[in-house]
C-alpha cells in the first residue's frame, strides 16, 4: 500500500495535491461529513441570510467564535508536513484545499502554490470594501458585546471563508483548474470528493489521463468513475508521511 503510493510519487514532478477535512482531524479539527461532523450537528447560516439578517449574523459569529476557541490552538500534523516536504523536493505544482483551517500555510506550504478554495478562518473580510484583518480583535469584540462586528466603512464583517450560498472566488477557481490542466499526477487526501465545483478540480486532471491516487477513510464520489489509478482505504496520517518519505528516499538512490 505505502510502496505503491511511494512509487507513483517518485515517478512524478508536477503533482496536484487536493485535500479535505480528513487531513486535519489529527490536528483536533472535526471533519464535516462524518457521523459527528459539523455538517451533521450544526445548522448552517446561508450567506444571503447573513447579509440580510442581524440575527443570522449573530448566529454565525457565535458559531465561528466557538470554533476559534475550540480549534484556535490547532497545529499542522505529519500529513501537512509531508506535503511541504514534497514541495521542497520540487514535486508539487499546487496544493488545492477545501479546508478553511489555515494549517497548510502554517505548515510552510508556499502561498503561491496554495489555493484555499473555500477560503480561510485566518482572516476577517469586509463584505463591502473587501478589507482583510486579523481575527483576534473581532472575536474579542463579539465576546464582549454579543454583537456582530462591522467594518469602519459600515460593511458586515465575516471570516474570509466561503459560506453556504456564497460564490467561490473566480481567481481561485482559475488558478486551481489551471493546475489541473498542467499537472502530471493528482493526489486527493482526506476528502469525500462530494462537494462541487471543488471536487471537479482533481477530476479534471484525472480525465486528462494523468495518474490519480485517492486516499480516504470511507467512500468517495470518484470511486466508481473509472479514473482512479490507486485507491487506498486508509487513514491519511498512517499512509502519506511514510509514502512521501519513501518516495524521496527512492529519488535519492
C-alpha atoms as a PDB file:
ATOM      1  CA  UNK A   1       0.000   0.000   0.000  1.00  0.00           C
ATOM      2  CA  UNK A   2       2.644   2.541   1.060  1.00  0.00           C
ATOM      3  CA  UNK A   3       5.058   1.237  -1.562  1.00  0.00           C
ATOM      4  CA  UNK A   4       2.508   1.672  -4.374  1.00  0.00           C
ATOM      5  CA  UNK A   5       1.852   5.289  -3.451  1.00  0.00           C
ATOM      6  CA  UNK A   6       5.553   5.987  -2.956  1.00  0.00           C
ATOM      7  CA  UNK A   7       6.333   4.661  -6.429  1.00  0.00           C
ATOM      8  CA  UNK A   8       3.755   6.969  -8.009  1.00  0.00           C
ATOM      9  CA  UNK A   9       5.073   9.974  -6.101  1.00  0.00           C
ATOM     10  CA  UNK A  10       8.680   9.168  -7.005  1.00  0.00           C
ATOM     11  CA  UNK A  11       7.805   8.999 -10.702  1.00  0.00           C
ATOM     12  CA  UNK A  12       6.126  12.436 -10.977  1.00  0.00           C
ATOM     13  CA  UNK A  13       7.341  16.018 -10.745  1.00  0.00           C
ATOM     14  CA  UNK A  14       4.241  18.257 -11.069  1.00  0.00           C
ATOM     15  CA  UNK A  15       1.820  16.858  -8.527  1.00  0.00           C
ATOM     16  CA  UNK A  16      -1.525  18.490  -7.792  1.00  0.00           C
ATOM     17  CA  UNK A  17      -2.382  17.795  -4.139  1.00  0.00           C
ATOM     18  CA  UNK A  18      -6.072  18.125  -3.278  1.00  0.00           C
ATOM     19  CA  UNK A  19      -7.003  17.974   0.411  1.00  0.00           C
ATOM     20  CA  UNK A  20     -10.143  17.735   2.502  1.00  0.00           C
ATOM     21  CA  UNK A  21     -11.136  17.718   6.159  1.00  0.00           C
ATOM     22  CA  UNK A  22      -9.728  14.233   6.746  1.00  0.00           C
ATOM     23  CA  UNK A  23      -6.156  15.545   6.785  1.00  0.00           C
ATOM     24  CA  UNK A  24      -6.845  17.869   9.720  1.00  0.00           C
ATOM     25  CA  UNK A  25      -8.685  15.586  12.122  1.00  0.00           C
ATOM     26  CA  UNK A  26      -5.353  14.569  13.679  1.00  0.00           C
ATOM     27  CA  UNK A  27      -4.851  18.255  14.493  1.00  0.00           C
ATOM     28  CA  UNK A  28      -8.080  18.247  16.508  1.00  0.00           C
ATOM     29  CA  UNK A  29     -10.325  19.799  13.876  1.00  0.00           C
ATOM     30  CA  UNK A  30     -13.524  17.822  13.156  1.00  0.00           C
ATOM     31  CA  UNK A  31     -14.483  16.699   9.695  1.00  0.00           C
ATOM     32  CA  UNK A  32     -17.676  17.925   8.059  1.00  0.00           C
ATOM     33  CA  UNK A  33     -19.448  14.882   6.700  1.00  0.00           C
ATOM     34  CA  UNK A  34     -18.605  12.089   9.111  1.00  0.00           C
ATOM     35  CA  UNK A  35     -21.108  10.801  11.707  1.00  0.00           C
ATOM     36  CA  UNK A  36     -20.119  13.533  14.184  1.00  0.00           C
ATOM     37  CA  UNK A  37     -19.099  16.065  11.571  1.00  0.00           C
ATOM     38  CA  UNK A  38     -20.099  19.707  11.603  1.00  0.00           C
ATOM     39  CA  UNK A  39     -22.493  19.083   8.701  1.00  0.00           C
ATOM     40  CA  UNK A  40     -24.444  16.641  10.918  1.00  0.00           C
ATOM     41  CA  UNK A  41     -24.513  18.653  14.131  1.00  0.00           C
ATOM     42  CA  UNK A  42     -24.838  22.323  13.126  1.00  0.00           C
ATOM     43  CA  UNK A  43     -27.466  24.321  11.278  1.00  0.00           C
ATOM     44  CA  UNK A  44     -25.645  26.254   8.547  1.00  0.00           C
ATOM     45  CA  UNK A  45     -26.046  30.001   8.175  1.00  0.00           C
ATOM     46  CA  UNK A  46     -26.503  30.851   4.493  1.00  0.00           C
ATOM     47  CA  UNK A  47     -24.693  33.845   3.045  1.00  0.00           C
ATOM     48  CA  UNK A  48     -27.888  35.539   1.890  1.00  0.00           C
ATOM     49  CA  UNK A  49     -29.299  35.299   5.431  1.00  0.00           C
ATOM     50  CA  UNK A  50     -26.025  36.572   6.900  1.00  0.00           C
ATOM     51  CA  UNK A  51     -26.189  39.659   4.719  1.00  0.00           C
ATOM     52  CA  UNK A  52     -29.902  40.310   5.315  1.00  0.00           C
ATOM     53  CA  UNK A  53     -30.454  39.449   8.979  1.00  0.00           C
ATOM     54  CA  UNK A  54     -28.799  40.737  12.158  1.00  0.00           C
ATOM     55  CA  UNK A  55     -29.973  37.581  13.948  1.00  0.00           C
ATOM     56  CA  UNK A  56     -28.332  35.349  11.326  1.00  0.00           C
ATOM     57  CA  UNK A  57     -25.103  37.324  11.644  1.00  0.00           C
ATOM     58  CA  UNK A  58     -25.223  36.842  15.407  1.00  0.00           C
ATOM     59  CA  UNK A  59     -25.742  33.064  14.983  1.00  0.00           C
ATOM     60  CA  UNK A  60     -22.866  32.902  12.521  1.00  0.00           C
ATOM     61  CA  UNK A  61     -20.453  34.832  14.739  1.00  0.00           C
ATOM     62  CA  UNK A  62     -21.432  32.668  17.691  1.00  0.00           C
ATOM     63  CA  UNK A  63     -20.543  29.537  15.713  1.00  0.00           C
ATOM     64  CA  UNK A  64     -17.274  30.983  14.461  1.00  0.00           C
ATOM     65  CA  UNK A  65     -16.272  32.232  17.904  1.00  0.00           C
ATOM     66  CA  UNK A  66     -16.902  28.774  19.367  1.00  0.00           C
ATOM     67  CA  UNK A  67     -14.737  27.285  16.612  1.00  0.00           C
ATOM     68  CA  UNK A  68     -11.961  29.815  17.257  1.00  0.00           C
ATOM     69  CA  UNK A  69     -11.971  28.925  20.945  1.00  0.00           C
ATOM     70  CA  UNK A  70     -12.052  25.174  20.370  1.00  0.00           C
ATOM     71  CA  UNK A  71      -9.583  24.903  17.498  1.00  0.00           C
ATOM     72  CA  UNK A  72      -7.523  28.085  17.682  1.00  0.00           C
ATOM     73  CA  UNK A  73      -4.528  26.191  19.044  1.00  0.00           C
ATOM     74  CA  UNK A  74      -4.599  23.515  16.317  1.00  0.00           C
ATOM     75  CA  UNK A  75      -1.204  22.840  14.749  1.00  0.00           C
ATOM     76  CA  UNK A  76      -0.234  21.162  11.453  1.00  0.00           C
ATOM     77  CA  UNK A  77       0.261  17.413  11.628  1.00  0.00           C
ATOM     78  CA  UNK A  78       2.500  14.937   9.813  1.00  0.00           C
ATOM     79  CA  UNK A  79       0.358  14.989   6.662  1.00  0.00           C
ATOM     80  CA  UNK A  80       0.725  18.760   6.298  1.00  0.00           C
ATOM     81  CA  UNK A  81       4.471  18.377   6.898  1.00  0.00           C
ATOM     82  CA  UNK A  82       4.734  15.615   4.282  1.00  0.00           C
ATOM     83  CA  UNK A  83       3.094  17.836   1.670  1.00  0.00           C
ATOM     84  CA  UNK A  84       5.609  20.575   2.484  1.00  0.00           C
ATOM     85  CA  UNK A  85       8.433  18.040   2.109  1.00  0.00           C
ATOM     86  CA  UNK A  86       7.132  17.122  -1.354  1.00  0.00           C
ATOM     87  CA  UNK A  87       7.050  20.792  -2.308  1.00  0.00           C
ATOM     88  CA  UNK A  88      10.592  21.383  -1.070  1.00  0.00           C
ATOM     89  CA  UNK A  89      11.700  18.440  -3.204  1.00  0.00           C
ATOM     90  CA  UNK A  90      10.239  20.372  -6.171  1.00  0.00           C
ATOM     91  CA  UNK A  91       7.448  17.866  -6.806  1.00  0.00           C
ATOM     92  CA  UNK A  92       4.323  19.913  -6.004  1.00  0.00           C
ATOM     93  CA  UNK A  93       2.765  22.110  -8.660  1.00  0.00           C
ATOM     94  CA  UNK A  94      -0.155  23.242  -6.478  1.00  0.00           C
ATOM     95  CA  UNK A  95      -1.959  22.407  -3.239  1.00  0.00           C
ATOM     96  CA  UNK A  96      -5.709  22.936  -3.506  1.00  0.00           C
ATOM     97  CA  UNK A  97      -7.549  22.567  -0.221  1.00  0.00           C
ATOM     98  CA  UNK A  98     -11.194  22.551   0.778  1.00  0.00           C
ATOM     99  CA  UNK A  99     -10.131  23.268   4.359  1.00  0.00           C
ATOM    100  CA  UNK A 100     -10.525  26.669   5.973  1.00  0.00           C
ATOM    101  CA  UNK A 101      -8.239  25.976   8.945  1.00  0.00           C
ATOM    102  CA  UNK A 102      -5.110  27.620   7.503  1.00  0.00           C
ATOM    103  CA  UNK A 103      -2.898  24.671   8.510  1.00  0.00           C
ATOM    104  CA  UNK A 104      -1.254  24.237   5.101  1.00  0.00           C
ATOM    105  CA  UNK A 105       0.024  27.805   5.264  1.00  0.00           C
ATOM    106  CA  UNK A 106       1.123  27.403   8.890  1.00  0.00           C
ATOM    107  CA  UNK A 107       2.978  24.203   7.980  1.00  0.00           C
ATOM    108  CA  UNK A 108       5.006  26.028   5.337  1.00  0.00           C
ATOM    109  CA  UNK A 109       3.208  25.468   2.031  1.00  0.00           C
ATOM    110  CA  UNK A 110       4.178  28.394  -0.191  1.00  0.00           C
ATOM    111  CA  UNK A 111       1.342  30.914  -0.638  1.00  0.00           C
ATOM    112  CA  UNK A 112       1.936  30.952  -4.392  1.00  0.00           C
ATOM    113  CA  UNK A 113       1.406  27.183  -4.506  1.00  0.00           C
ATOM    114  CA  UNK A 114      -1.721  27.172  -2.335  1.00  0.00           C
ATOM    115  CA  UNK A 115      -5.377  27.655  -3.230  1.00  0.00           C
ATOM    116  CA  UNK A 116      -7.767  27.704  -0.256  1.00  0.00           C
ATOM    117  CA  UNK A 117     -10.777  27.204  -2.461  1.00  0.00           C
ATOM    118  CA  UNK A 118     -13.297  27.587   0.368  1.00  0.00           C
ATOM    119  CA  UNK A 119     -11.443  30.484   1.977  1.00  0.00           C
ATOM    120  CA  UNK A 120      -9.802  30.743   5.383  1.00  0.00           C
ATOM    121  CA  UNK A 121     -10.698  31.426   9.008  1.00  0.00           C
ATOM    122  CA  UNK A 122      -7.291  33.050   9.449  1.00  0.00           C
ATOM    123  CA  UNK A 123      -8.589  36.410   8.208  1.00  0.00           C
ATOM    124  CA  UNK A 124     -11.726  38.527   8.605  1.00  0.00           C
ATOM    125  CA  UNK A 125     -13.101  40.126   5.450  1.00  0.00           C
ATOM    126  CA  UNK A 126     -15.426  43.078   4.985  1.00  0.00           C
ATOM    127  CA  UNK A 127     -18.272  42.162   2.659  1.00  0.00           C
ATOM    128  CA  UNK A 128     -18.430  45.719   1.315  1.00  0.00           C
ATOM    129  CA  UNK A 129     -14.910  47.117   0.900  1.00  0.00           C
ATOM    130  CA  UNK A 130     -13.020  43.794   0.939  1.00  0.00           C
ATOM    131  CA  UNK A 131     -10.503  44.808   3.617  1.00  0.00           C
ATOM    132  CA  UNK A 132      -8.953  41.808   5.380  1.00  0.00           C
ATOM    133  CA  UNK A 133      -7.848  41.986   9.014  1.00  0.00           C
ATOM    134  CA  UNK A 134      -6.697  39.800  11.902  1.00  0.00           C
ATOM    135  CA  UNK A 135      -9.498  37.781  13.539  1.00  0.00           C
ATOM    136  CA  UNK A 136      -8.434  38.272  17.177  1.00  0.00           C
ATOM    137  CA  UNK A 137      -9.823  41.751  17.876  1.00  0.00           C
ATOM    138  CA  UNK A 138     -13.120  40.984  16.134  1.00  0.00           C
ATOM    139  CA  UNK A 139     -13.717  37.799  18.116  1.00  0.00           C
ATOM    140  CA  UNK A 140     -12.827  39.680  21.297  1.00  0.00           C
ATOM    141  CA  UNK A 141     -15.313  42.419  20.447  1.00  0.00           C
ATOM    142  CA  UNK A 142     -18.049  39.873  19.785  1.00  0.00           C
ATOM    143  CA  UNK A 143     -17.280  38.099  23.070  1.00  0.00           C
ATOM    144  CA  UNK A 144     -17.537  41.405  24.952  1.00  0.00           C
ATOM    145  CA  UNK A 145     -20.676  42.778  23.288  1.00  0.00           C
ATOM    146  CA  UNK A 146     -22.527  39.833  21.758  1.00  0.00           C
ATOM    147  CA  UNK A 147     -22.959  41.957  18.640  1.00  0.00           C
ATOM    148  CA  UNK A 148     -21.506  41.010  15.235  1.00  0.00           C
ATOM    149  CA  UNK A 149     -18.716  43.440  14.338  1.00  0.00           C
ATOM    150  CA  UNK A 150     -18.887  45.786  11.375  1.00  0.00           C
ATOM    151  CA  UNK A 151     -16.133  47.392   9.333  1.00  0.00           C
ATOM    152  CA  UNK A 152     -15.213  51.068   9.656  1.00  0.00           C
ATOM    153  CA  UNK A 153     -16.833  51.503   6.244  1.00  0.00           C
ATOM    154  CA  UNK A 154     -20.123  50.169   7.643  1.00  0.00           C
ATOM    155  CA  UNK A 155     -19.946  46.818   5.862  1.00  0.00           C
ATOM    156  CA  UNK A 156     -20.555  43.491   7.575  1.00  0.00           C
ATOM    157  CA  UNK A 157     -17.501  41.546   8.690  1.00  0.00           C
ATOM    158  CA  UNK A 158     -17.192  37.773   8.454  1.00  0.00           C
ATOM    159  CA  UNK A 159     -14.352  35.255   8.379  1.00  0.00           C
ATOM    160  CA  UNK A 160     -12.886  35.050   4.866  1.00  0.00           C
ATOM    161  CA  UNK A 161     -14.492  31.682   4.222  1.00  0.00           C
ATOM    162  CA  UNK A 162     -16.991  30.738   1.543  1.00  0.00           C
ATOM    163  CA  UNK A 163     -20.337  30.360   3.284  1.00  0.00           C
ATOM    164  CA  UNK A 164     -23.258  28.259   2.087  1.00  0.00           C
ATOM    165  CA  UNK A 165     -24.866  30.099  -0.817  1.00  0.00           C
ATOM    166  CA  UNK A 166     -21.777  32.250  -1.465  1.00  0.00           C
ATOM    167  CA  UNK A 167     -19.956  32.007  -4.781  1.00  0.00           C
ATOM    168  CA  UNK A 168     -16.398  30.717  -4.859  1.00  0.00           C
ATOM    169  CA  UNK A 169     -13.779  33.248  -5.896  1.00  0.00           C
ATOM    170  CA  UNK A 170     -13.246  33.136  -9.639  1.00  0.00           C
ATOM    171  CA  UNK A 171      -9.479  33.776  -9.364  1.00  0.00           C
ATOM    172  CA  UNK A 172      -9.069  30.806  -7.014  1.00  0.00           C
ATOM    173  CA  UNK A 173     -11.012  28.524  -9.355  1.00  0.00           C
ATOM    174  CA  UNK A 174      -8.986  29.718 -12.349  1.00  0.00           C
ATOM    175  CA  UNK A 175      -5.695  29.018 -10.556  1.00  0.00           C
ATOM    176  CA  UNK A 176      -6.834  25.590  -9.359  1.00  0.00           C
ATOM    177  CA  UNK A 177      -8.175  24.429 -12.722  1.00  0.00           C
ATOM    178  CA  UNK A 178      -5.052  25.735 -14.468  1.00  0.00           C
ATOM    179  CA  UNK A 179      -3.008  23.490 -12.174  1.00  0.00           C
ATOM    180  CA  UNK A 180      -5.298  20.572 -13.041  1.00  0.00           C
ATOM    181  CA  UNK A 181      -4.579  21.224 -16.722  1.00  0.00           C
ATOM    182  CA  UNK A 182      -0.781  21.074 -16.363  1.00  0.00           C
ATOM    183  CA  UNK A 183      -0.077  18.611 -13.513  1.00  0.00           C
ATOM    184  CA  UNK A 184       1.377  15.159 -14.233  1.00  0.00           C
ATOM    185  CA  UNK A 185      -0.293  13.461 -11.234  1.00  0.00           C
ATOM    186  CA  UNK A 186      -3.142  14.249  -8.859  1.00  0.00           C
ATOM    187  CA  UNK A 187      -3.271  13.154  -5.211  1.00  0.00           C
ATOM    188  CA  UNK A 188      -6.557  13.519  -3.267  1.00  0.00           C
ATOM    189  CA  UNK A 189      -6.267  13.210   0.506  1.00  0.00           C
ATOM    190  CA  UNK A 190      -8.953  13.020   3.170  1.00  0.00           C
ATOM    191  CA  UNK A 191     -11.871  14.178   1.027  1.00  0.00           C
ATOM    192  CA  UNK A 192     -15.190  12.565   0.153  1.00  0.00           C
ATOM    193  CA  UNK A 193     -14.889  14.388  -3.198  1.00  0.00           C
ATOM    194  CA  UNK A 194     -18.594  15.123  -2.979  1.00  0.00           C
ATOM    195  CA  UNK A 195     -18.629  18.928  -2.938  1.00  0.00           C
ATOM    196  CA  UNK A 196     -18.520  20.599  -6.331  1.00  0.00           C
ATOM    197  CA  UNK A 197     -17.120  22.569  -8.004  1.00  0.00           C
ATOM    198  CA  UNK A 198     -14.086  21.922  -5.765  1.00  0.00           C
ATOM    199  CA  UNK A 199     -14.142  18.159  -6.391  1.00  0.00           C
ATOM    200  CA  UNK A 200     -14.200  18.802 -10.140  1.00  0.00           C
ATOM    201  CA  UNK A 201     -10.614  20.071  -9.905  1.00  0.00           C
ATOM    202  CA  UNK A 202      -8.863  16.715  -9.340  1.00  0.00           C
ATOM    203  CA  UNK A 203     -11.395  15.053 -11.617  1.00  0.00           C
ATOM    204  CA  UNK A 204     -10.431  17.358 -14.490  1.00  0.00           C
ATOM    205  CA  UNK A 205      -6.801  16.286 -14.114  1.00  0.00           C
ATOM    206  CA  UNK A 206      -7.743  12.591 -13.935  1.00  0.00           C
ATOM    207  CA  UNK A 207      -9.866  12.841 -17.069  1.00  0.00           C
ATOM    208  CA  UNK A 208      -6.794  14.083 -18.920  1.00  0.00           C
ATOM    209  CA  UNK A 209      -5.318  10.659 -18.195  1.00  0.00           C
ATOM    210  CA  UNK A 210      -2.786  11.560 -15.507  1.00  0.00           C
ATOM    211  CA  UNK A 211      -2.428   9.119 -12.578  1.00  0.00           C
ATOM    212  CA  UNK A 212      -4.992   9.767  -9.845  1.00  0.00           C
ATOM    213  CA  UNK A 213      -4.389   8.493  -6.306  1.00  0.00           C
ATOM    214  CA  UNK A 214      -7.192   8.809  -3.723  1.00  0.00           C
ATOM    215  CA  UNK A 215      -6.547   8.146  -0.032  1.00  0.00           C
ATOM    216  CA  UNK A 216      -9.539   8.425   2.257  1.00  0.00           C
ATOM    217  CA  UNK A 217     -11.223   6.505   5.046  1.00  0.00           C
ATOM    218  CA  UNK A 218     -14.718   5.957   3.654  1.00  0.00           C
ATOM    219  CA  UNK A 219     -16.281   6.071   0.207  1.00  0.00           C
ATOM    220  CA  UNK A 220     -15.690   8.960  -2.165  1.00  0.00           C
ATOM    221  CA  UNK A 221     -17.768  10.230  -5.051  1.00  0.00           C
ATOM    222  CA  UNK A 222     -14.978   9.373  -7.523  1.00  0.00           C
ATOM    223  CA  UNK A 223     -14.526   5.725  -6.550  1.00  0.00           C
ATOM    224  CA  UNK A 224     -16.732   4.327  -9.306  1.00  0.00           C
ATOM    225  CA  UNK A 225     -15.909   6.746 -12.112  1.00  0.00           C
ATOM    226  CA  UNK A 226     -13.137   4.614 -13.592  1.00  0.00           C
ATOM    227  CA  UNK A 227     -10.482   7.341 -13.438  1.00  0.00           C
ATOM    228  CA  UNK A 228      -8.789   6.435 -10.140  1.00  0.00           C
ATOM    229  CA  UNK A 229      -5.363   4.833 -10.571  1.00  0.00           C
ATOM    230  CA  UNK A 230      -4.732   4.000  -6.918  1.00  0.00           C
ATOM    231  CA  UNK A 231      -7.445   3.902  -4.240  1.00  0.00           C
ATOM    232  CA  UNK A 232      -6.346   3.390  -0.641  1.00  0.00           C
ATOM    233  CA  UNK A 233      -8.990   2.946   2.054  1.00  0.00           C
ATOM    234  CA  UNK A 234      -6.845   4.222   4.907  1.00  0.00           C
ATOM    235  CA  UNK A 235      -6.135   6.952   7.414  1.00  0.00           C
ATOM    236  CA  UNK A 236      -4.069   9.540   5.536  1.00  0.00           C
ATOM    237  CA  UNK A 237      -1.902  10.013   8.625  1.00  0.00           C
ATOM    238  CA  UNK A 238      -0.867   6.376   8.548  1.00  0.00           C
ATOM    239  CA  UNK A 239      -0.031   6.318   4.833  1.00  0.00           C
ATOM    240  CA  UNK A 240       1.001   9.687   3.438  1.00  0.00           C
ATOM    241  CA  UNK A 241       4.004  10.647   5.625  1.00  0.00           C
ATOM    242  CA  UNK A 242       5.540   7.188   5.206  1.00  0.00           C
ATOM    243  CA  UNK A 243       4.890   7.141   1.446  1.00  0.00           C
ATOM    244  CA  UNK A 244       6.394  10.601   0.958  1.00  0.00           C
ATOM    245  CA  UNK A 245       9.484   9.672   2.969  1.00  0.00           C
ATOM    246  CA  UNK A 246       9.934   6.513   0.904  1.00  0.00           C
ATOM    247  CA  UNK A 247       9.377   8.374  -2.388  1.00  0.00           C
ATOM    248  CA  UNK A 248      12.023  10.946  -1.544  1.00  0.00           C
ATOM    249  CA  UNK A 249      14.422   8.195  -0.488  1.00  0.00           C
ATOM    250  CA  UNK A 250      13.824   6.364  -3.784  1.00  0.00           C
ATOM    251  CA  UNK A 251      14.521   9.607  -5.640  1.00  0.00           C
ATOM    252  CA  UNK A 252      17.843   9.910  -3.816  1.00  0.00           C
ATOM    253  CA  UNK A 253      19.038   6.395  -4.697  1.00  0.00           C
END
